[in-house]
Amino acid sequence: MYTTNHTLEDGCEYMLVDSGFSGNAVVGLETLGGVMRNFTRIKELPVSRNTYTFGAGSTHKTVQTYRLHHPTCGFVVVDAVEGQLPFLIGRRFLREHRAVLNFITNRKT
């Protein structure tokens, strides 16, 4: 089970880093259509068994799983859950992509 907490703002069409999210990537079904144009290849995968718990304690099961290719980030496997959750990438994604967030210099590498 992974945990995350985020509030969606209207028009959010980016992948957001959620350093409090231990998993790979998750997005709401209602948000998914808006972010799909940021990816060059899209493949539907068998639905994962991941369950997500959000800040208010509500639990959601994955309803769809995709493998997406982003021109900058490479391949991203993302679970979709019901609702308007923004596209969140977590610590597992950062670790697998060897990404480093430097809050002192405000840079990512």
N, C-alpha and C. Protein backbone atom coordinates (compact mmCIF):
# COMPACT_ATOMS: atom_id res chain seq x y z
N MET A 1 0.85 -1.17 0.00
CA MET A 1 0.00 0.00 0.00
C MET A 1 0.89 1.24 0.00
N TYR A 2 0.56 2.22 -0.82
CA TYR A 2 1.31 3.47 -0.90
C TYR A 2 0.46 4.60 -0.34
N THR A 3 1.11 5.62 0.19
CA THR A 3 0.37 6.74 0.73
C THR A 3 0.81 8.03 0.06
N THR A 4 -0.13 8.94 -0.16
CA THR A 4 0.15 10.24 -0.75
C THR A 4 -0.91 11.22 -0.31
N ASN A 5 -0.64 12.52 -0.49
CA ASN A 5 -1.59 13.56 -0.14
C ASN A 5 -1.37 14.73 -1.09
N HIS A 6 -2.39 15.07 -1.89
CA HIS A 6 -2.28 16.20 -2.80
C HIS A 6 -3.67 16.68 -3.19
N THR A 7 -3.81 17.97 -3.40
CA THR A 7 -5.06 18.56 -3.85
C THR A 7 -4.88 19.01 -5.28
N LEU A 8 -5.83 18.66 -6.15
CA LEU A 8 -5.77 19.01 -7.55
C LEU A 8 -6.21 20.44 -7.78
N GLU A 9 -5.41 21.18 -8.55
CA GLU A 9 -5.82 22.50 -9.01
C GLU A 9 -6.32 22.36 -10.44
N ASP A 10 -7.27 23.20 -10.84
CA ASP A 10 -7.80 23.14 -12.20
C ASP A 10 -6.68 23.28 -13.22
N GLY A 11 -6.74 22.47 -14.29
CA GLY A 11 -5.79 22.58 -15.37
C GLY A 11 -4.43 21.94 -15.10
N CYS A 12 -4.30 21.13 -14.10
CA CYS A 12 -3.02 20.51 -13.79
C CYS A 12 -2.75 19.39 -14.79
N GLU A 13 -1.76 19.60 -15.68
CA GLU A 13 -1.48 18.63 -16.74
C GLU A 13 -0.03 18.17 -16.72
N TYR A 14 0.61 18.23 -15.59
CA TYR A 14 2.02 17.89 -15.48
C TYR A 14 2.22 16.71 -14.54
N MET A 15 3.40 16.11 -14.62
CA MET A 15 3.79 15.11 -13.63
C MET A 15 4.34 15.88 -12.44
N LEU A 16 3.77 15.65 -11.28
CA LEU A 16 4.20 16.35 -10.07
C LEU A 16 4.98 15.41 -9.18
N VAL A 17 6.11 15.86 -8.69
CA VAL A 17 6.90 15.07 -7.74
C VAL A 17 6.25 15.19 -6.37
N ASP A 18 5.93 14.05 -5.78
CA ASP A 18 5.38 14.01 -4.42
C ASP A 18 6.37 13.22 -3.57
N SER A 19 7.26 13.93 -2.89
CA SER A 19 8.31 13.25 -2.13
C SER A 19 7.76 12.48 -0.93
N GLY A 20 6.51 12.69 -0.57
CA GLY A 20 5.88 11.92 0.50
C GLY A 20 5.22 10.65 -0.01
N PHE A 21 5.22 10.44 -1.32
CA PHE A 21 4.60 9.28 -1.96
C PHE A 21 5.68 8.23 -2.19
N SER A 22 5.53 7.07 -1.59
CA SER A 22 6.56 6.03 -1.65
C SER A 22 6.53 5.23 -2.95
N GLY A 23 5.47 5.32 -3.72
CA GLY A 23 5.32 4.49 -4.91
C GLY A 23 5.94 5.07 -6.16
N ASN A 24 5.53 4.54 -7.32
CA ASN A 24 6.07 4.93 -8.61
C ASN A 24 5.30 6.10 -9.20
N ALA A 25 4.09 5.86 -9.71
CA ALA A 25 3.29 6.92 -10.32
C ALA A 25 1.82 6.54 -10.23
N VAL A 26 0.97 7.56 -10.02
CA VAL A 26 -0.48 7.36 -9.93
C VAL A 26 -1.15 8.62 -10.47
N VAL A 27 -2.31 8.43 -11.09
CA VAL A 27 -3.08 9.54 -11.65
C VAL A 27 -4.56 9.21 -11.56
N GLY A 28 -5.40 10.23 -11.47
CA GLY A 28 -6.85 10.03 -11.48
C GLY A 28 -7.36 9.84 -12.90
N LEU A 29 -8.38 9.01 -13.06
CA LEU A 29 -8.94 8.77 -14.40
C LEU A 29 -9.42 10.06 -15.05
N GLU A 30 -10.00 10.97 -14.25
CA GLU A 30 -10.52 12.22 -14.80
C GLU A 30 -9.39 13.15 -15.24
N THR A 31 -8.21 12.97 -14.74
CA THR A 31 -7.04 13.78 -15.09
C THR A 31 -6.28 13.16 -16.26
N LEU A 32 -6.40 11.87 -16.43
CA LEU A 32 -5.58 11.12 -17.37
C LEU A 32 -5.64 11.66 -18.80
N GLY A 33 -6.83 11.99 -19.28
CA GLY A 33 -6.98 12.49 -20.65
C GLY A 33 -6.17 13.75 -20.91
N GLY A 34 -6.10 14.63 -19.92
CA GLY A 34 -5.36 15.88 -20.08
C GLY A 34 -3.86 15.71 -20.13
N VAL A 35 -3.35 14.66 -19.49
CA VAL A 35 -1.90 14.46 -19.47
C VAL A 35 -1.41 13.54 -20.57
N MET A 36 -2.29 12.80 -21.21
CA MET A 36 -1.87 11.82 -22.22
C MET A 36 -1.11 12.45 -23.38
N ARG A 37 -1.43 13.68 -23.72
CA ARG A 37 -0.75 14.30 -24.87
C ARG A 37 0.73 14.59 -24.59
N ASN A 38 1.15 14.50 -23.32
CA ASN A 38 2.55 14.70 -22.97
C ASN A 38 3.41 13.46 -23.24
N PHE A 39 2.78 12.37 -23.64
CA PHE A 39 3.48 11.11 -23.83
C PHE A 39 3.44 10.70 -25.29
N THR A 40 4.53 10.04 -25.75
CA THR A 40 4.63 9.67 -27.16
C THR A 40 4.12 8.26 -27.44
N ARG A 41 4.21 7.38 -26.47
CA ARG A 41 3.71 6.01 -26.64
C ARG A 41 2.90 5.62 -25.41
N ILE A 42 1.78 4.95 -25.65
CA ILE A 42 0.88 4.57 -24.55
C ILE A 42 0.52 3.10 -24.74
N LYS A 43 0.72 2.30 -23.69
CA LYS A 43 0.35 0.89 -23.74
C LYS A 43 -0.40 0.54 -22.47
N GLU A 44 -1.58 -0.05 -22.63
CA GLU A 44 -2.35 -0.50 -21.46
C GLU A 44 -1.77 -1.82 -20.99
N LEU A 45 -1.57 -1.94 -19.69
CA LEU A 45 -1.02 -3.15 -19.07
C LEU A 45 -2.11 -3.82 -18.23
N PRO A 46 -1.86 -5.06 -17.79
CA PRO A 46 -2.80 -5.67 -16.84
C PRO A 46 -2.88 -4.78 -15.59
N VAL A 47 -4.06 -4.68 -15.02
CA VAL A 47 -4.28 -3.81 -13.86
C VAL A 47 -3.46 -4.31 -12.67
N SER A 48 -2.70 -3.39 -12.06
CA SER A 48 -1.89 -3.76 -10.90
C SER A 48 -2.79 -3.96 -9.69
N ARG A 49 -2.24 -4.57 -8.67
CA ARG A 49 -2.99 -4.81 -7.44
C ARG A 49 -2.73 -3.73 -6.39
N ASN A 50 -2.07 -2.64 -6.79
CA ASN A 50 -1.74 -1.58 -5.84
C ASN A 50 -2.99 -0.89 -5.30
N THR A 51 -2.92 -0.53 -4.03
CA THR A 51 -3.96 0.24 -3.36
C THR A 51 -3.31 1.51 -2.85
N TYR A 52 -4.02 2.63 -2.96
CA TYR A 52 -3.48 3.93 -2.58
C TYR A 52 -4.31 4.54 -1.46
N THR A 53 -3.63 5.11 -0.46
CA THR A 53 -4.29 5.79 0.64
C THR A 53 -3.89 7.25 0.58
N PHE A 54 -4.88 8.14 0.55
CA PHE A 54 -4.63 9.56 0.42
C PHE A 54 -4.76 10.24 1.77
N GLY A 55 -4.36 11.52 1.83
CA GLY A 55 -4.25 12.27 3.08
C GLY A 55 -5.43 12.18 4.01
N ALA A 56 -6.64 12.16 3.47
CA ALA A 56 -7.83 12.10 4.31
C ALA A 56 -8.13 10.67 4.76
N GLY A 57 -7.30 9.72 4.34
CA GLY A 57 -7.48 8.34 4.76
C GLY A 57 -8.31 7.50 3.80
N SER A 58 -8.80 8.10 2.70
CA SER A 58 -9.59 7.31 1.76
C SER A 58 -8.67 6.39 0.97
N THR A 59 -9.14 5.17 0.72
CA THR A 59 -8.36 4.15 0.03
C THR A 59 -8.96 3.91 -1.34
N HIS A 60 -8.08 3.80 -2.35
CA HIS A 60 -8.53 3.57 -3.73
C HIS A 60 -7.71 2.47 -4.36
N LYS A 61 -8.39 1.58 -5.08
CA LYS A 61 -7.71 0.52 -5.82
C LYS A 61 -7.42 0.99 -7.24
N THR A 62 -6.38 0.46 -7.82
CA THR A 62 -6.04 0.75 -9.22
C THR A 62 -7.15 0.21 -10.11
N VAL A 63 -7.58 1.02 -11.10
CA VAL A 63 -8.60 0.58 -12.05
C VAL A 63 -8.02 0.37 -13.45
N GLN A 64 -6.87 1.01 -13.75
CA GLN A 64 -6.17 0.80 -15.00
C GLN A 64 -4.68 1.02 -14.76
N THR A 65 -3.85 0.35 -15.55
CA THR A 65 -2.40 0.53 -15.47
C THR A 65 -1.88 0.74 -16.88
N TYR A 66 -0.97 1.71 -17.04
CA TYR A 66 -0.41 2.04 -18.34
C TYR A 66 1.10 2.11 -18.28
N ARG A 67 1.72 1.86 -19.43
CA ARG A 67 3.15 2.13 -19.62
C ARG A 67 3.21 3.26 -20.63
N LEU A 68 3.75 4.39 -20.20
CA LEU A 68 3.78 5.59 -21.01
C LEU A 68 5.23 5.97 -21.30
N HIS A 69 5.47 6.57 -22.46
CA HIS A 69 6.81 7.07 -22.77
C HIS A 69 6.77 8.59 -22.82
N HIS A 70 7.57 9.20 -21.96
CA HIS A 70 7.70 10.66 -21.92
C HIS A 70 9.00 11.03 -22.62
N PRO A 71 9.00 12.06 -23.49
CA PRO A 71 10.20 12.40 -24.23
C PRO A 71 11.41 12.74 -23.36
N THR A 72 11.20 13.23 -22.16
CA THR A 72 12.30 13.61 -21.28
C THR A 72 12.59 12.54 -20.23
N CYS A 73 11.54 11.97 -19.64
CA CYS A 73 11.69 11.05 -18.50
C CYS A 73 11.83 9.59 -18.90
N GLY A 74 11.55 9.26 -20.12
CA GLY A 74 11.57 7.86 -20.54
C GLY A 74 10.26 7.17 -20.19
N PHE A 75 10.33 5.87 -19.93
CA PHE A 75 9.12 5.10 -19.67
C PHE A 75 8.65 5.27 -18.23
N VAL A 76 7.34 5.37 -18.07
CA VAL A 76 6.70 5.51 -16.77
C VAL A 76 5.55 4.52 -16.71
N VAL A 77 5.53 3.67 -15.69
CA VAL A 77 4.37 2.81 -15.45
C VAL A 77 3.51 3.53 -14.42
N VAL A 78 2.25 3.78 -14.77
CA VAL A 78 1.37 4.57 -13.91
C VAL A 78 0.07 3.81 -13.67
N ASP A 79 -0.38 3.86 -12.42
CA ASP A 79 -1.68 3.32 -12.06
C ASP A 79 -2.70 4.45 -12.11
N ALA A 80 -3.89 4.15 -12.59
CA ALA A 80 -4.98 5.12 -12.60
C ALA A 80 -6.01 4.70 -11.55
N VAL A 81 -6.48 5.68 -10.79
CA VAL A 81 -7.53 5.47 -9.79
C VAL A 81 -8.71 6.38 -10.13
N GLU A 82 -9.88 6.10 -9.57
CA GLU A 82 -11.05 6.95 -9.80
C GLU A 82 -10.79 8.35 -9.29
N GLY A 83 -11.27 9.37 -10.01
CA GLY A 83 -11.22 10.73 -9.50
C GLY A 83 -10.32 11.67 -10.27
N GLN A 84 -10.03 12.82 -9.65
CA GLN A 84 -9.27 13.91 -10.27
C GLN A 84 -7.87 14.05 -9.70
N LEU A 85 -7.26 13.01 -9.30
CA LEU A 85 -5.91 13.06 -8.75
C LEU A 85 -4.93 13.51 -9.83
N PRO A 86 -4.04 14.47 -9.54
CA PRO A 86 -3.02 14.85 -10.53
C PRO A 86 -2.04 13.70 -10.75
N PHE A 87 -1.25 13.80 -11.80
CA PHE A 87 -0.26 12.77 -12.13
C PHE A 87 0.90 12.94 -11.15
N LEU A 88 0.99 12.03 -10.19
CA LEU A 88 2.01 12.11 -9.16
C LEU A 88 3.10 11.07 -9.41
N ILE A 89 4.35 11.49 -9.28
CA ILE A 89 5.45 10.55 -9.30
C ILE A 89 6.10 10.56 -7.92
N GLY A 90 6.43 9.38 -7.45
CA GLY A 90 6.92 9.24 -6.09
C GLY A 90 8.38 8.84 -5.99
N ARG A 91 8.75 8.46 -4.79
CA ARG A 91 10.15 8.14 -4.50
C ARG A 91 10.67 6.95 -5.30
N ARG A 92 9.83 5.95 -5.55
CA ARG A 92 10.28 4.80 -6.34
C ARG A 92 10.67 5.25 -7.75
N PHE A 93 9.85 6.10 -8.37
CA PHE A 93 10.17 6.64 -9.69
C PHE A 93 11.49 7.40 -9.65
N LEU A 94 11.65 8.26 -8.66
CA LEU A 94 12.88 9.06 -8.54
C LEU A 94 14.10 8.16 -8.39
N ARG A 95 13.97 7.12 -7.56
CA ARG A 95 15.08 6.19 -7.33
C ARG A 95 15.42 5.43 -8.62
N GLU A 96 14.40 4.90 -9.31
CA GLU A 96 14.65 4.12 -10.53
C GLU A 96 15.24 4.97 -11.65
N HIS A 97 14.90 6.27 -11.66
CA HIS A 97 15.41 7.16 -12.70
C HIS A 97 16.65 7.95 -12.23
N ARG A 98 17.13 7.57 -11.04
CA ARG A 98 18.33 8.19 -10.46
C ARG A 98 18.20 9.71 -10.40
N ALA A 99 17.01 10.16 -10.07
CA ALA A 99 16.74 11.59 -9.99
C ALA A 99 17.07 12.11 -8.60
N VAL A 100 17.57 13.32 -8.55
CA VAL A 100 17.92 13.97 -7.30
C VAL A 100 17.26 15.34 -7.27
N LEU A 101 16.54 15.63 -6.21
CA LEU A 101 15.95 16.95 -6.02
C LEU A 101 16.80 17.69 -5.00
N ASN A 102 17.32 18.83 -5.40
CA ASN A 102 18.15 19.62 -4.50
C ASN A 102 17.35 20.85 -4.10
N PHE A 103 16.84 20.86 -2.88
CA PHE A 103 15.99 21.96 -2.43
C PHE A 103 16.80 23.20 -2.08
N ILE A 104 18.10 23.07 -1.93
CA ILE A 104 18.95 24.23 -1.65
C ILE A 104 19.17 25.03 -2.92
N THR A 105 19.51 24.36 -4.01
CA THR A 105 19.76 25.06 -5.28
C THR A 105 18.52 25.13 -6.16
N ASN A 106 17.44 24.45 -5.76
CA ASN A 106 16.20 24.40 -6.52
C ASN A 106 16.40 23.79 -7.92
N ARG A 107 17.23 22.71 -7.96
CA ARG A 107 17.51 22.01 -9.21
C ARG A 107 17.16 20.54 -9.11
N LYS A 108 16.88 19.96 -10.25
CA LYS A 108 16.71 18.51 -10.33
C LYS A 108 17.75 17.97 -11.29
N THR A 109 18.28 16.79 -10.95
CA THR A 109 19.26 16.15 -11.84
C THR A 109 18.92 14.70 -11.99
